[in-house]
Amino acid sequence: MTFSRRDFLTAAAGSALAVAGSNALALPVFDGDYGPFRMGMQSYTLRAFSFERAIELTSKFGLHYWESYQAHIGLTEDKTKIAAIRATLKSNKIRLMGWGVQAFDADVKKSRKIFDFAKAMHVGTITADPAPEAFSSLEKLCAEYKINIAIHNHGPGARYDKISSVEAAVKGRNNYIGVCVDTGHYLRSSEDPVEAIKRFGKRVHSVHLKDVKGTTQFTEVGLGELRVVALFRELKLLHYKNIVALEYEEHAEDPVKYIDTCLTATRDAISKATA
């Protein structure tokens, strides 16, 4: 049996999705062409669903990379829980590339536990909101564990809201201390995410792909101010190999058709950027 995109959207629009996490929703599997990029899902997009259902939906969108927010995968030392999470990811052919956003302070013992968890989960990047006093120990832990820290910009009023505020934080640090370019939050802060990619270069360890209209309203990729083609051109020039994680902020209870719109626009932009 084969399914067209219309079949997909018809299934997505069904009333089964009205109840978040419902097991009644069954979507056809399809794959997209994302060129040289590891296109994946920031799991906050699917925050209305359980971990297991969010993983299943991600797989059915043809995506094989994940960055998890903490309500889906919480910090734990329980080896049984960690093994179960990894088994679910593996059975759905999804690689966990990032996790966060995690706060860090000067407590080295607490930070080490976070890195132990990331190592156990085979996570290469922790998206983070580190306090200034955390950086000296974080540099050492990153080098020891070979795990990146990606400073997350979180929009107006946040500690790291501007390109310049993130640049000041990473200046003089080793390259394990890098950035998560959240395109939507940079737009909300009246910053250009494409310029952020240019300025941070090899320190870009994660990208949260989202779009915004007029600095205030989250929308589907391609319908706002984000220069999507230019963004992927810059990532191509960097030979970027970390995750590009779709993070759609709206319609949490019924996101499927909007995710499809975002992914369609992303594939189109990648096709143009890599032509």
Protein backbone atom coordinates (compact mmCIF):
# COMPACT_ATOMS: atom_id res chain seq x y z
CA MET A 1 0.00 0.00 0.00
CA THR A 2 1.28 3.47 -0.84
CA PHE A 3 0.22 6.85 0.51
CA SER A 4 0.21 10.25 -1.11
CA ARG A 5 0.85 13.49 0.76
CA ARG A 6 -2.92 14.13 0.56
CA ASP A 7 -3.51 10.77 2.30
CA PHE A 8 -1.07 11.87 4.98
CA LEU A 9 -2.76 15.20 5.60
CA THR A 10 -6.20 13.60 5.59
CA ALA A 11 -5.08 11.19 8.30
CA ALA A 12 -3.41 14.01 10.20
CA ALA A 13 -6.55 16.12 10.24
CA GLY A 14 -8.66 13.34 11.72
CA SER A 15 -10.35 13.77 15.04
CA ALA A 16 -8.09 11.14 16.60
CA LEU A 17 -5.43 13.77 17.12
CA ALA A 18 -7.77 15.96 19.12
CA VAL A 19 -6.88 13.88 22.16
CA ALA A 20 -3.15 14.40 22.66
CA GLY A 21 -1.19 11.18 22.68
CA SER A 22 -4.10 9.10 21.47
CA ASN A 23 -3.08 5.65 20.25
CA ALA A 24 -5.80 5.88 17.60
CA LEU A 25 -3.69 8.10 15.34
CA ALA A 26 -1.89 6.09 12.67
CA LEU A 27 0.09 8.00 10.08
CA PRO A 28 1.64 6.57 6.93
CA VAL A 29 5.41 6.49 6.81
CA PHE A 30 7.16 8.76 4.31
CA ASP A 31 10.70 10.02 3.83
CA GLY A 32 11.97 13.40 2.68
CA ASP A 33 15.20 14.51 1.08
CA TYR A 34 17.17 16.81 3.36
CA GLY A 35 20.37 16.71 1.36
CA PRO A 36 23.53 16.71 3.51
CA PHE A 37 21.72 17.77 6.69
CA ARG A 38 20.71 15.73 9.72
CA MET A 39 17.15 16.98 9.83
CA GLY A 40 15.40 16.04 13.02
CA MET A 41 12.87 17.02 15.66
CA GLN A 42 13.20 19.14 18.77
CA SER A 43 10.82 17.14 20.90
CA TYR A 44 9.18 20.25 22.39
CA THR A 45 7.25 20.33 19.10
CA LEU A 46 5.47 17.17 20.31
CA ARG A 47 5.16 18.21 23.96
CA ALA A 48 1.50 17.20 24.17
CA PHE A 49 2.45 13.57 23.55
CA SER A 50 4.17 10.93 25.64
CA PHE A 51 7.81 10.12 24.95
CA GLU A 52 6.88 6.91 23.19
CA ARG A 53 4.23 8.55 21.00
CA ALA A 54 6.48 11.49 20.18
CA ILE A 55 9.19 9.10 19.03
CA GLU A 56 6.69 7.16 16.94
CA LEU A 57 5.40 10.31 15.27
CA THR A 58 8.92 11.53 14.57
CA SER A 59 9.73 8.27 12.85
CA LYS A 60 6.57 8.43 10.77
CA PHE A 61 7.61 11.87 9.54
CA GLY A 62 10.69 10.19 8.10
CA LEU A 63 13.03 11.88 10.57
CA HIS A 64 15.82 9.94 12.28
CA TYR A 65 17.40 12.52 14.61
CA TRP A 66 16.13 13.93 17.88
CA GLU A 67 16.92 16.63 20.39
CA SER A 68 14.90 15.95 23.50
CA TYR A 69 13.51 18.45 25.92
CA GLN A 70 13.43 17.35 29.51
CA ALA A 71 9.77 16.45 29.88
CA HIS A 72 10.35 13.67 27.36
CA ILE A 73 13.72 12.49 28.65
CA GLY A 74 14.42 13.61 32.19
CA LEU A 75 17.76 13.61 33.94
CA THR A 76 18.20 10.28 35.72
CA GLU A 77 20.86 7.96 37.13
CA ASP A 78 18.55 4.94 36.78
CA LYS A 79 20.32 2.54 34.41
CA THR A 80 17.11 0.61 33.74
CA LYS A 81 15.30 3.77 32.62
CA ILE A 82 18.24 4.82 30.47
CA ALA A 83 18.34 1.39 28.82
CA ALA A 84 14.60 1.52 28.13
CA ILE A 85 14.86 4.99 26.55
CA ARG A 86 17.75 3.91 24.36
CA ALA A 87 15.85 0.77 23.30
CA THR A 88 12.84 2.85 22.25
CA LEU A 89 15.03 5.18 20.22
CA LYS A 90 16.82 2.28 18.56
CA SER A 91 13.65 0.39 17.68
CA ASN A 92 12.36 3.51 15.92
CA LYS A 93 15.72 4.14 14.18
CA ILE A 94 16.15 7.52 15.84
CA ARG A 95 19.47 8.88 17.07
CA LEU A 96 19.44 11.18 20.09
CA MET A 97 21.88 13.95 19.17
CA GLY A 98 21.00 16.62 21.72
CA TRP A 99 19.32 17.14 25.07
CA GLY A 100 18.33 20.19 27.14
CA VAL A 101 17.92 23.05 27.76
CA GLN A 102 19.94 22.45 30.93
CA ALA A 103 21.00 25.04 33.51
CA PHE A 104 24.55 24.95 34.90
CA ASP A 105 26.09 26.74 37.86
CA ALA A 106 29.39 26.50 39.73
CA ASP A 107 28.50 23.15 41.38
CA VAL A 108 30.99 20.82 39.66
CA LYS A 109 29.60 17.66 41.28
CA LYS A 110 26.11 18.42 39.97
CA SER A 111 27.47 19.26 36.51
CA ARG A 112 29.40 15.97 36.40
CA LYS A 113 26.19 14.03 37.04
CA ILE A 114 24.64 15.77 34.03
CA PHE A 115 27.60 14.81 31.86
CA ASP A 116 27.44 11.22 33.16
CA PHE A 117 23.82 11.09 32.07
CA ALA A 118 24.63 12.55 28.63
CA LYS A 119 27.40 10.00 28.17
CA ALA A 120 25.09 7.14 29.15
CA MET A 121 22.53 8.40 26.63
CA HIS A 122 25.21 8.75 23.90
CA VAL A 123 24.35 12.44 23.56
CA GLY A 124 26.92 14.56 21.74
CA THR A 125 25.53 17.99 22.66
CA ILE A 126 23.83 19.46 25.72
CA THR A 127 21.86 22.60 24.92
CA ALA A 128 22.36 24.83 27.90
CA ASP A 129 21.81 28.05 29.80
CA PRO A 130 25.04 28.25 31.83
CA ALA A 131 25.60 30.83 34.52
CA PRO A 132 28.83 32.79 33.95
CA GLU A 133 30.49 31.07 36.93
CA ALA A 134 29.91 27.64 35.32
CA PHE A 135 32.21 28.05 32.32
CA SER A 136 35.59 27.24 33.84
CA SER A 137 34.42 23.80 34.99
CA LEU A 138 32.29 23.22 31.89
CA GLU A 139 35.32 23.62 29.62
CA LYS A 140 37.12 20.89 31.54
CA LEU A 141 34.11 18.57 31.62
CA CYS A 142 33.45 19.04 27.89
CA ALA A 143 37.03 18.11 27.06
CA GLU A 144 36.98 15.14 29.43
CA TYR A 145 33.68 13.71 28.17
CA LYS A 146 34.02 14.99 24.58
CA ILE A 147 30.50 16.41 24.80
CA ASN A 148 29.55 19.85 23.48
CA ILE A 149 27.76 22.61 25.33
CA ALA A 150 25.47 24.63 23.04
CA ILE A 151 24.44 27.93 24.62
CA HIS A 152 20.77 28.46 23.85
CA ASN A 153 19.48 31.94 23.03
CA HIS A 154 16.01 32.29 24.47
CA GLY A 155 14.67 35.55 23.16
CA PRO A 156 14.13 39.03 24.59
CA GLY A 157 15.05 39.41 28.24
CA ALA A 158 16.96 36.13 28.47
CA ARG A 159 20.56 35.94 29.64
CA TYR A 160 21.65 35.04 26.11
CA ASP A 161 19.27 36.93 23.83
CA LYS A 162 21.61 38.66 21.36
CA ILE A 163 24.38 37.35 19.14
CA SER A 164 26.79 39.62 21.02
CA SER A 165 25.80 38.22 24.43
CA VAL A 166 26.52 34.67 23.26
CA GLU A 167 29.77 35.76 21.61
CA ALA A 168 30.92 37.28 24.89
CA ALA A 169 30.20 34.00 26.69
CA VAL A 170 32.16 31.78 24.28
CA LYS A 171 35.08 34.13 23.70
CA GLY A 172 38.39 32.50 24.57
CA ARG A 173 36.77 29.15 25.39
CA ASN A 174 37.60 25.87 23.70
CA ASN A 175 35.37 24.86 20.79
CA TYR A 176 33.39 22.40 22.90
CA ILE A 177 31.74 25.53 24.31
CA GLY A 178 29.52 26.49 21.41
CA VAL A 179 26.03 27.60 20.52
CA CYS A 180 22.54 26.49 19.71
CA VAL A 181 21.17 28.87 17.10
CA ASP A 182 17.45 29.09 17.83
CA THR A 183 16.31 30.89 14.70
CA GLY A 184 12.94 31.94 16.10
CA HIS A 185 14.28 33.41 19.31
CA TYR A 186 16.93 35.37 17.41
CA LEU A 187 14.16 36.79 15.23
CA ARG A 188 12.22 37.70 18.36
CA SER A 189 15.31 39.57 19.56
CA SER A 190 15.51 41.43 16.22
CA GLU A 191 18.63 39.49 15.25
CA ASP A 192 19.37 37.70 11.97
CA PRO A 193 19.88 33.94 12.48
CA VAL A 194 21.83 33.72 9.21
CA GLU A 195 24.29 36.28 10.59
CA ALA A 196 24.52 34.20 13.77
CA ILE A 197 25.55 31.14 11.74
CA LYS A 198 28.21 33.20 9.95
CA ARG A 199 29.65 34.66 13.14
CA PHE A 200 29.67 31.49 15.22
CA GLY A 201 30.95 29.18 12.48
CA LYS A 202 32.29 25.89 13.83
CA ARG A 203 30.91 26.66 17.27
CA VAL A 204 27.37 25.96 15.98
CA HIS A 205 26.55 22.65 17.67
CA SER A 206 22.76 22.74 17.30
CA VAL A 207 20.09 24.56 15.30
CA HIS A 208 16.48 24.95 16.43
CA LEU A 209 14.59 25.65 13.23
CA LYS A 210 11.53 27.85 13.69
CA ASP A 211 10.02 30.92 12.07
CA VAL A 212 8.49 34.13 13.41
CA LYS A 213 6.34 36.90 11.95
CA GLY A 214 7.10 40.46 12.96
CA THR A 215 9.28 39.48 15.96
CA THR A 216 6.28 38.26 17.96
CA GLN A 217 4.24 35.49 16.31
CA PHE A 218 5.62 31.97 15.86
CA THR A 219 4.56 30.45 12.54
CA GLU A 220 5.40 27.65 10.14
CA VAL A 221 8.83 27.61 8.52
CA GLY A 222 8.73 29.68 5.34
CA LEU A 223 5.82 31.88 6.42
CA GLY A 224 7.75 34.33 8.60
CA GLU A 225 10.89 36.43 8.50
CA LEU A 226 13.45 33.60 8.49
CA ARG A 227 15.66 33.54 5.38
CA VAL A 228 15.46 29.77 5.12
CA VAL A 229 17.45 29.25 1.91
CA ALA A 230 20.22 31.58 3.10
CA LEU A 231 20.34 29.73 6.43
CA PHE A 232 20.95 26.38 4.76
CA ARG A 233 23.50 27.90 2.39
CA GLU A 234 25.53 29.04 5.39
CA LEU A 235 25.20 25.64 7.05
CA LYS A 236 26.35 24.01 3.82
CA LEU A 237 29.43 26.26 3.72
CA LEU A 238 30.23 25.12 7.26
CA HIS A 239 29.85 21.44 6.29
CA TYR A 240 27.51 21.37 9.28
CA LYS A 241 26.97 17.82 10.59
CA ASN A 242 25.03 18.36 13.80
CA ILE A 243 21.26 18.33 14.09
CA VAL A 244 18.85 20.78 12.48
CA ALA A 245 15.91 20.30 14.82
CA LEU A 246 12.47 21.49 13.79
CA GLU A 247 10.84 23.20 16.77
CA TYR A 248 7.29 24.26 16.01
CA GLU A 249 5.82 26.30 18.88
CA GLU A 250 2.13 26.55 17.99
CA HIS A 251 -0.86 24.13 17.96
CA ALA A 252 0.63 21.75 20.54
CA GLU A 253 -2.49 19.58 20.65
CA ASP A 254 -2.82 19.25 16.87
CA PRO A 255 0.58 19.88 15.23
CA VAL A 256 0.79 17.33 12.43
CA LYS A 257 -0.35 19.32 9.39
CA TYR A 258 1.75 22.28 10.52
CA ILE A 259 4.82 20.08 10.91
CA ASP A 260 4.22 18.81 7.39
CA THR A 261 4.11 22.42 6.10
CA CYS A 262 7.38 23.17 7.92
CA LEU A 263 9.13 20.09 6.55
CA THR A 264 7.89 20.75 3.00
CA ALA A 265 9.29 24.29 3.15
CA THR A 266 12.54 22.97 4.62
CA ARG A 267 13.01 20.44 1.83
CA ASP A 268 12.34 23.13 -0.76
CA ALA A 269 14.84 25.49 0.87
CA ILE A 270 17.50 22.79 1.09
CA SER A 271 16.98 21.92 -2.56
CA LYS A 272 17.60 25.56 -3.51
CA ALA A 273 20.48 26.00 -1.08
CA THR A 274 22.34 22.94 -2.33
CA ALA A 275 21.62 23.29 -6.06
